[in-house]
Amino acid sequence: MKGWALDNWFTILNAVGVISGLFFTAFSLRSETKTRRIANLLTITTNHRNVWKEFFSHPELARVLDASADLIKRPVTREEEIFTNFIFLHISSVYCAMNDELVIKLEGLRRDVAQFLTLPIPQKIWEKSKLLQNDDFVNFVEACRNWK
């Protein structure tokens, strides 16, 4: 055995190097994946803040979060519809990122979507805009609406 190892030391050394390289690559990929997920989460947080910054900069959008908004007396405005669609686009982006495991799982997302869609204006706009959304996303949102 000792003679074989001496005769093949270069091959053994190459094999150890290749195996070590594979382990290092796997470790690096895992670390890079974690870093990318956190970076994606920070981007989502920034986008979330930007959407809601619009809300706070335009007081006329306050009715979007009004649980007692009467849509018969005062129908949804174009600004409310655009803002609410921005929120749906943001939720869709988060959903896609979570589905592709590009971001850590956001535990409260289902609850947040469910609560948002209990409001009259988001509910009305969702019924109109869901026809334009991907089927998977529509199924997710509808499941959130039925989630307890």
N, C-alpha and C. Protein backbone atom coordinates (compact mmCIF):
# COMPACT_ATOMS: atom_id res chain seq x y z
N MET A 1 0.82 -1.18 0.00
CA MET A 1 0.00 0.00 0.00
C MET A 1 0.87 1.26 0.00
N LYS A 2 1.97 1.19 0.82
CA LYS A 2 2.85 2.34 0.93
C LYS A 2 3.53 2.63 -0.41
N GLY A 3 3.87 1.61 -1.13
CA GLY A 3 4.51 1.76 -2.44
C GLY A 3 3.55 2.37 -3.44
N TRP A 4 2.27 1.96 -3.37
CA TRP A 4 1.27 2.51 -4.29
C TRP A 4 1.07 4.00 -4.03
N ALA A 5 1.00 4.39 -2.75
CA ALA A 5 0.81 5.79 -2.39
C ALA A 5 2.01 6.62 -2.87
N LEU A 6 3.22 6.09 -2.73
CA LEU A 6 4.40 6.82 -3.19
C LEU A 6 4.40 6.95 -4.71
N ASP A 7 3.93 5.91 -5.40
CA ASP A 7 3.89 5.95 -6.86
C ASP A 7 2.81 6.91 -7.37
N ASN A 8 1.75 7.09 -6.59
CA ASN A 8 0.60 7.88 -7.05
C ASN A 8 0.37 9.14 -6.21
N TRP A 9 1.41 9.63 -5.57
CA TRP A 9 1.24 10.79 -4.70
C TRP A 9 0.68 12.01 -5.42
N PHE A 10 1.07 12.20 -6.68
CA PHE A 10 0.59 13.35 -7.42
C PHE A 10 -0.91 13.23 -7.71
N THR A 11 -1.35 12.05 -8.05
CA THR A 11 -2.78 11.81 -8.32
C THR A 11 -3.59 12.00 -7.05
N ILE A 12 -3.08 11.50 -5.93
CA ILE A 12 -3.77 11.65 -4.63
C ILE A 12 -3.87 13.14 -4.27
N LEU A 13 -2.76 13.84 -4.45
CA LEU A 13 -2.74 15.27 -4.14
C LEU A 13 -3.75 16.03 -5.01
N ASN A 14 -3.82 15.69 -6.29
CA ASN A 14 -4.80 16.32 -7.19
C ASN A 14 -6.23 16.03 -6.73
N ALA A 15 -6.50 14.79 -6.36
CA ALA A 15 -7.84 14.41 -5.91
C ALA A 15 -8.23 15.17 -4.65
N VAL A 16 -7.30 15.28 -3.70
CA VAL A 16 -7.56 16.01 -2.47
C VAL A 16 -7.82 17.48 -2.80
N GLY A 17 -7.05 18.04 -3.72
CA GLY A 17 -7.25 19.44 -4.13
C GLY A 17 -8.60 19.66 -4.78
N VAL A 18 -9.00 18.75 -5.65
CA VAL A 18 -10.29 18.88 -6.33
C VAL A 18 -11.43 18.76 -5.32
N ILE A 19 -11.35 17.79 -4.44
CA ILE A 19 -12.39 17.60 -3.42
C ILE A 19 -12.46 18.81 -2.49
N SER A 20 -11.31 19.31 -2.07
CA SER A 20 -11.28 20.51 -1.21
C SER A 20 -11.89 21.70 -1.95
N GLY A 21 -11.57 21.83 -3.23
CA GLY A 21 -12.13 22.92 -4.04
C GLY A 21 -13.65 22.83 -4.15
N LEU A 22 -14.16 21.62 -4.28
CA LEU A 22 -15.61 21.43 -4.35
C LEU A 22 -16.28 21.82 -3.03
N PHE A 23 -15.68 21.44 -1.91
CA PHE A 23 -16.23 21.82 -0.61
C PHE A 23 -16.20 23.34 -0.42
N PHE A 24 -15.09 23.96 -0.81
CA PHE A 24 -14.98 25.41 -0.70
C PHE A 24 -16.03 26.10 -1.58
N THR A 25 -16.22 25.60 -2.81
CA THR A 25 -17.21 26.17 -3.72
C THR A 25 -18.61 26.03 -3.13
N ALA A 26 -18.94 24.88 -2.58
CA ALA A 26 -20.26 24.68 -1.98
C ALA A 26 -20.47 25.64 -0.81
N PHE A 27 -19.46 25.80 0.02
CA PHE A 27 -19.54 26.71 1.15
C PHE A 27 -19.72 28.15 0.67
N SER A 28 -18.96 28.53 -0.36
CA SER A 28 -19.06 29.89 -0.90
C SER A 28 -20.43 30.15 -1.51
N LEU A 29 -20.97 29.17 -2.24
CA LEU A 29 -22.30 29.33 -2.84
C LEU A 29 -23.37 29.49 -1.77
N ARG A 30 -23.24 28.71 -0.72
CA ARG A 30 -24.22 28.81 0.38
C ARG A 30 -24.14 30.19 1.04
N SER A 31 -22.95 30.66 1.26
CA SER A 31 -22.75 31.97 1.87
C SER A 31 -23.27 33.07 0.94
N GLU A 32 -22.99 32.95 -0.35
CA GLU A 32 -23.46 33.93 -1.34
C GLU A 32 -24.98 33.95 -1.41
N THR A 33 -25.61 32.80 -1.32
CA THR A 33 -27.07 32.71 -1.34
C THR A 33 -27.67 33.44 -0.15
N LYS A 34 -27.10 33.24 1.03
CA LYS A 34 -27.59 33.94 2.22
C LYS A 34 -27.43 35.45 2.06
N THR A 35 -26.29 35.87 1.57
CA THR A 35 -26.03 37.30 1.38
C THR A 35 -27.01 37.89 0.37
N ARG A 36 -27.25 37.19 -0.72
CA ARG A 36 -28.17 37.67 -1.75
C ARG A 36 -29.59 37.75 -1.21
N ARG A 37 -30.00 36.78 -0.41
CA ARG A 37 -31.35 36.82 0.18
C ARG A 37 -31.53 38.03 1.09
N ILE A 38 -30.50 38.32 1.87
CA ILE A 38 -30.58 39.49 2.75
C ILE A 38 -30.60 40.78 1.92
N ALA A 39 -29.78 40.84 0.87
CA ALA A 39 -29.78 42.02 0.00
C ALA A 39 -31.15 42.19 -0.66
N ASN A 40 -31.75 41.09 -1.09
CA ASN A 40 -33.08 41.16 -1.69
C ASN A 40 -34.12 41.63 -0.67
N LEU A 41 -33.99 41.17 0.56
CA LEU A 41 -34.91 41.61 1.61
C LEU A 41 -34.77 43.11 1.85
N LEU A 42 -33.55 43.60 1.86
CA LEU A 42 -33.33 45.03 2.03
C LEU A 42 -33.93 45.82 0.86
N THR A 43 -33.82 45.30 -0.34
CA THR A 43 -34.42 45.95 -1.51
C THR A 43 -35.94 45.97 -1.40
N ILE A 44 -36.51 44.86 -0.98
CA ILE A 44 -37.97 44.80 -0.80
C ILE A 44 -38.40 45.79 0.27
N THR A 45 -37.65 45.88 1.34
CA THR A 45 -37.97 46.83 2.42
C THR A 45 -37.91 48.26 1.90
N THR A 46 -36.92 48.57 1.10
CA THR A 46 -36.80 49.91 0.51
C THR A 46 -38.00 50.20 -0.40
N ASN A 47 -38.36 49.23 -1.22
CA ASN A 47 -39.50 49.42 -2.12
C ASN A 47 -40.80 49.59 -1.32
N HIS A 48 -40.93 48.83 -0.26
CA HIS A 48 -42.11 48.93 0.61
C HIS A 48 -42.20 50.34 1.20
N ARG A 49 -41.07 50.81 1.69
CA ARG A 49 -41.03 52.16 2.26
C ARG A 49 -41.38 53.21 1.21
N ASN A 50 -40.90 53.04 -0.02
CA ASN A 50 -41.18 54.01 -1.08
C ASN A 50 -42.66 54.04 -1.45
N VAL A 51 -43.31 52.87 -1.49
CA VAL A 51 -44.73 52.82 -1.79
C VAL A 51 -45.50 53.56 -0.70
N TRP A 52 -45.19 53.26 0.54
CA TRP A 52 -45.93 53.88 1.63
C TRP A 52 -45.55 55.34 1.85
N LYS A 53 -44.38 55.74 1.37
CA LYS A 53 -44.00 57.16 1.42
C LYS A 53 -44.98 57.96 0.55
N GLU A 54 -45.38 57.38 -0.58
CA GLU A 54 -46.39 58.02 -1.44
C GLU A 54 -47.70 58.22 -0.67
N PHE A 55 -48.06 57.22 0.08
CA PHE A 55 -49.29 57.29 0.86
C PHE A 55 -49.25 58.47 1.84
N PHE A 56 -48.15 58.59 2.55
CA PHE A 56 -48.04 59.64 3.55
C PHE A 56 -47.80 61.02 2.94
N SER A 57 -47.33 61.07 1.69
CA SER A 57 -47.13 62.37 1.03
C SER A 57 -48.41 62.90 0.38
N HIS A 58 -49.39 62.04 0.24
CA HIS A 58 -50.64 62.44 -0.42
C HIS A 58 -51.82 62.13 0.50
N PRO A 59 -52.23 63.09 1.30
CA PRO A 59 -53.31 62.86 2.27
C PRO A 59 -54.62 62.37 1.64
N GLU A 60 -54.83 62.67 0.37
CA GLU A 60 -56.05 62.22 -0.30
C GLU A 60 -56.11 60.70 -0.46
N LEU A 61 -55.00 60.02 -0.22
CA LEU A 61 -54.97 58.55 -0.31
C LEU A 61 -55.38 57.89 1.01
N ALA A 62 -55.60 58.66 2.05
CA ALA A 62 -55.92 58.11 3.37
C ALA A 62 -57.13 57.20 3.34
N ARG A 63 -58.05 57.45 2.44
CA ARG A 63 -59.27 56.66 2.37
C ARG A 63 -59.00 55.20 1.97
N VAL A 64 -57.86 54.94 1.34
CA VAL A 64 -57.51 53.57 0.95
C VAL A 64 -57.50 52.66 2.18
N LEU A 65 -57.07 53.18 3.32
CA LEU A 65 -57.00 52.39 4.55
C LEU A 65 -58.20 52.59 5.47
N ASP A 66 -59.22 53.27 4.98
CA ASP A 66 -60.42 53.54 5.76
C ASP A 66 -61.39 52.36 5.66
N ALA A 67 -61.57 51.67 6.77
CA ALA A 67 -62.44 50.49 6.77
C ALA A 67 -63.90 50.85 6.58
N SER A 68 -64.24 52.12 6.77
CA SER A 68 -65.64 52.53 6.61
C SER A 68 -65.87 53.36 5.35
N ALA A 69 -64.94 53.29 4.40
CA ALA A 69 -65.08 54.06 3.15
C ALA A 69 -66.35 53.62 2.42
N ASP A 70 -67.19 54.58 2.09
CA ASP A 70 -68.44 54.31 1.38
C ASP A 70 -68.22 54.54 -0.11
N LEU A 71 -68.12 53.45 -0.85
CA LEU A 71 -67.81 53.54 -2.27
C LEU A 71 -69.02 53.90 -3.12
N ILE A 72 -70.18 53.87 -2.53
CA ILE A 72 -71.38 54.28 -3.26
C ILE A 72 -71.49 55.80 -3.23
N LYS A 73 -71.31 56.37 -2.05
CA LYS A 73 -71.36 57.83 -1.94
C LYS A 73 -70.18 58.49 -2.65
N ARG A 74 -69.03 57.85 -2.53
CA ARG A 74 -67.82 58.42 -3.12
C ARG A 74 -67.00 57.29 -3.75
N PRO A 75 -67.14 57.08 -5.07
CA PRO A 75 -66.42 55.99 -5.75
C PRO A 75 -64.90 56.13 -5.63
N VAL A 76 -64.23 55.06 -5.95
CA VAL A 76 -62.76 55.02 -5.92
C VAL A 76 -62.22 56.04 -6.92
N THR A 77 -61.26 56.83 -6.47
CA THR A 77 -60.63 57.81 -7.37
C THR A 77 -59.52 57.14 -8.17
N ARG A 78 -59.11 57.79 -9.22
CA ARG A 78 -58.02 57.27 -10.06
C ARG A 78 -56.73 57.17 -9.24
N GLU A 79 -56.47 58.16 -8.40
CA GLU A 79 -55.26 58.15 -7.57
C GLU A 79 -55.26 56.97 -6.59
N GLU A 80 -56.42 56.71 -6.00
CA GLU A 80 -56.54 55.57 -5.07
C GLU A 80 -56.32 54.26 -5.81
N GLU A 81 -56.84 54.18 -7.02
CA GLU A 81 -56.67 52.96 -7.81
C GLU A 81 -55.21 52.75 -8.19
N ILE A 82 -54.55 53.79 -8.62
CA ILE A 82 -53.13 53.69 -8.99
C ILE A 82 -52.29 53.29 -7.78
N PHE A 83 -52.51 53.96 -6.66
CA PHE A 83 -51.75 53.65 -5.45
C PHE A 83 -51.97 52.19 -5.03
N THR A 84 -53.22 51.76 -5.02
CA THR A 84 -53.53 50.39 -4.60
C THR A 84 -52.92 49.38 -5.57
N ASN A 85 -52.90 49.69 -6.84
CA ASN A 85 -52.26 48.80 -7.81
C ASN A 85 -50.75 48.74 -7.59
N PHE A 86 -50.14 49.85 -7.16
CA PHE A 86 -48.72 49.82 -6.79
C PHE A 86 -48.49 48.83 -5.65
N ILE A 87 -49.40 48.82 -4.71
CA ILE A 87 -49.29 47.89 -3.59
C ILE A 87 -49.41 46.45 -4.09
N PHE A 88 -50.36 46.19 -4.98
CA PHE A 88 -50.50 44.84 -5.52
C PHE A 88 -49.27 44.43 -6.33
N LEU A 89 -48.68 45.36 -7.07
CA LEU A 89 -47.45 45.05 -7.80
C LEU A 89 -46.31 44.74 -6.84
N HIS A 90 -46.25 45.48 -5.75
CA HIS A 90 -45.22 45.24 -4.74
C HIS A 90 -45.41 43.84 -4.10
N ILE A 91 -46.64 43.53 -3.75
CA ILE A 91 -46.93 42.22 -3.16
C ILE A 91 -46.60 41.12 -4.16
N SER A 92 -46.91 41.34 -5.43
CA SER A 92 -46.60 40.35 -6.47
C SER A 92 -45.10 40.11 -6.57
N SER A 93 -44.32 41.18 -6.51
CA SER A 93 -42.85 41.05 -6.55
C SER A 93 -42.33 40.26 -5.36
N VAL A 94 -42.86 40.56 -4.19
CA VAL A 94 -42.45 39.84 -2.98
C VAL A 94 -42.83 38.37 -3.11
N TYR A 95 -44.03 38.10 -3.59
CA TYR A 95 -44.49 36.73 -3.77
C TYR A 95 -43.55 35.97 -4.72
N CYS A 96 -43.21 36.58 -5.85
CA CYS A 96 -42.32 35.92 -6.81
C CYS A 96 -40.94 35.66 -6.20
N ALA A 97 -40.43 36.64 -5.48
CA ALA A 97 -39.11 36.47 -4.84
C ALA A 97 -39.15 35.35 -3.81
N MET A 98 -40.24 35.27 -3.05
CA MET A 98 -40.35 34.20 -2.05
C MET A 98 -40.51 32.85 -2.73
N ASN A 99 -41.28 32.79 -3.79
CA ASN A 99 -41.48 31.53 -4.52
C ASN A 99 -40.17 30.99 -5.08
N ASP A 100 -39.32 31.87 -5.56
CA ASP A 100 -38.04 31.46 -6.13
C ASP A 100 -36.93 31.40 -5.08
N GLU A 101 -37.33 31.53 -3.81
CA GLU A 101 -36.40 31.47 -2.68
C GLU A 101 -35.28 32.50 -2.80
N LEU A 102 -35.62 33.68 -3.34
CA LEU A 102 -34.65 34.75 -3.46
C LEU A 102 -34.64 35.66 -2.24
N VAL A 103 -35.54 35.40 -1.33
CA VAL A 103 -35.64 36.19 -0.11
C VAL A 103 -36.09 35.24 1.00
N ILE A 104 -35.74 35.58 2.23
CA ILE A 104 -36.18 34.74 3.33
C ILE A 104 -37.71 34.82 3.42
N LYS A 105 -38.32 33.79 3.92
CA LYS A 105 -39.78 33.74 4.01
C LYS A 105 -40.28 34.82 4.96
N LEU A 106 -41.26 35.58 4.47
CA LEU A 106 -41.86 36.65 5.28
C LEU A 106 -43.09 36.08 5.95
N GLU A 107 -42.97 35.79 7.22
CA GLU A 107 -44.01 35.09 7.97
C GLU A 107 -45.36 35.81 7.97
N GLY A 108 -45.35 37.13 8.03
CA GLY A 108 -46.61 37.86 8.17
C GLY A 108 -47.25 38.27 6.85
N LEU A 109 -46.69 37.87 5.72
CA LEU A 109 -47.20 38.33 4.43
C LEU A 109 -48.65 37.93 4.21
N ARG A 110 -48.99 36.68 4.48
CA ARG A 110 -50.38 36.23 4.28
C ARG A 110 -51.35 37.05 5.14
N ARG A 111 -50.98 37.26 6.37
CA ARG A 111 -51.84 38.02 7.29
C ARG A 111 -51.97 39.47 6.81
N ASP A 112 -50.88 40.04 6.36
CA ASP A 112 -50.88 41.42 5.88
C ASP A 112 -51.79 41.56 4.65
N VAL A 113 -51.68 40.64 3.72
CA VAL A 113 -52.52 40.67 2.51
C VAL A 113 -53.99 40.48 2.90
N ALA A 114 -54.24 39.54 3.80
CA ALA A 114 -55.62 39.30 4.23
C ALA A 114 -56.22 40.55 4.86
N GLN A 115 -55.47 41.21 5.73
CA GLN A 115 -55.98 42.42 6.38
C GLN A 115 -56.19 43.55 5.38
N PHE A 116 -55.28 43.69 4.45
CA PHE A 116 -55.40 44.75 3.45
C PHE A 116 -56.65 44.55 2.60
N LEU A 117 -56.94 43.31 2.27
CA LEU A 117 -58.09 43.04 1.40
C LEU A 117 -59.42 43.01 2.14
N THR A 118 -59.41 43.29 3.43
CA THR A 118 -60.69 43.46 4.13
C THR A 118 -61.19 44.89 3.97
N LEU A 119 -60.33 45.77 3.51
CA LEU A 119 -60.69 47.18 3.33
C LEU A 119 -61.46 47.36 2.02
N PRO A 120 -62.46 48.23 2.01
CA PRO A 120 -63.33 48.37 0.83
C PRO A 120 -62.62 48.75 -0.47
N ILE A 121 -61.74 49.73 -0.42
CA ILE A 121 -61.08 50.18 -1.66
C ILE A 121 -60.14 49.11 -2.21
N PRO A 122 -59.21 48.55 -1.41
CA PRO A 122 -58.37 47.48 -1.94
C PRO A 122 -59.19 46.29 -2.45
N GLN A 123 -60.26 45.95 -1.76
CA GLN A 123 -61.11 44.84 -2.17
C GLN A 123 -61.70 45.10 -3.55
N LYS A 124 -62.24 46.28 -3.75
CA LYS A 124 -62.86 46.66 -5.03
C LYS A 124 -61.82 46.65 -6.15
N ILE A 125 -60.66 47.21 -5.89
CA ILE A 125 -59.62 47.30 -6.92
C ILE A 125 -59.04 45.93 -7.22
N TRP A 126 -58.91 45.08 -6.21
CA TRP A 126 -58.41 43.73 -6.42
C TRP A 126 -59.33 42.97 -7.38
N GLU A 127 -60.62 43.07 -7.17
CA GLU A 127 -61.57 42.35 -8.04
C GLU A 127 -61.39 42.78 -9.50
N LYS A 128 -61.06 44.02 -9.71
CA LYS A 128 -60.86 44.54 -11.06
C LYS A 128 -59.48 44.15 -11.61
N SER A 129 -58.46 44.26 -10.80
CA SER A 129 -57.09 44.06 -11.30
C SER A 129 -56.61 42.61 -11.28
N LYS A 130 -57.30 41.74 -10.58
CA LYS A 130 -56.81 40.35 -10.52
C LYS A 130 -56.88 39.66 -11.88
N LEU A 131 -57.71 40.18 -12.75
CA LEU A 131 -57.80 39.61 -14.10
C LEU A 131 -56.53 39.84 -14.90
N LEU A 132 -55.71 40.78 -14.46
CA LEU A 132 -54.48 41.11 -15.16
C LEU A 132 -53.25 40.48 -14.52
N GLN A 133 -53.45 39.74 -13.44
CA GLN A 133 -52.33 39.16 -12.69
C GLN A 133 -52.07 37.72 -13.12
N ASN A 134 -50.89 37.23 -12.78
CA ASN A 134 -50.55 35.82 -13.01
C ASN A 134 -51.45 34.93 -12.16
N ASP A 135 -51.82 33.78 -12.71
CA ASP A 135 -52.73 32.87 -12.00
C ASP A 135 -52.18 32.45 -10.64
N ASP A 136 -50.88 32.17 -10.57
CA ASP A 136 -50.28 31.74 -9.30
C ASP A 136 -50.43 32.84 -8.24
N PHE A 137 -50.20 34.07 -8.64
CA PHE A 137 -50.32 35.18 -7.70
C PHE A 137 -51.78 35.36 -7.27
N VAL A 138 -52.70 35.26 -8.20
CA VAL A 138 -54.13 35.38 -7.86
C VAL A 138 -54.51 34.29 -6.87
N ASN A 139 -54.06 33.07 -7.11
CA ASN A 139 -54.35 31.97 -6.18
C ASN A 139 -53.78 32.24 -4.80
N PHE A 140 -52.57 32.79 -4.75
CA PHE A 140 -51.95 33.14 -3.47
C PHE A 140 -52.79 34.18 -2.73
N VAL A 141 -53.18 35.25 -3.43
CA VAL A 141 -53.95 36.32 -2.79
C VAL A 141 -55.31 35.80 -2.33
N GLU A 142 -55.95 35.01 -3.17
CA GLU A 142 -57.26 34.46 -2.78
C GLU A 142 -57.12 33.53 -1.57
N ALA A 143 -56.05 32.77 -1.53
CA ALA A 143 -55.79 31.91 -0.36
C ALA A 143 -55.55 32.77 0.88
N CYS A 144 -54.89 33.91 0.71
CA CYS A 144 -54.67 34.83 1.84
C CYS A 144 -56.00 35.36 2.34
N ARG A 145 -56.89 35.68 1.44
CA ARG A 145 -58.19 36.22 1.82
C ARG A 145 -58.98 35.22 2.67
N ASN A 146 -58.78 33.93 2.40
CA ASN A 146 -59.49 32.88 3.13
C ASN A 146 -58.71 32.36 4.32
N TRP A 147 -57.51 32.90 4.53
CA TRP A 147 -56.61 32.44 5.59
C TRP A 147 -57.05 33.00 6.93
N LYS A 148 -56.98 32.21 7.95
CA LYS A 148 -57.35 32.65 9.30
C LYS A 148 -56.15 32.59 10.21
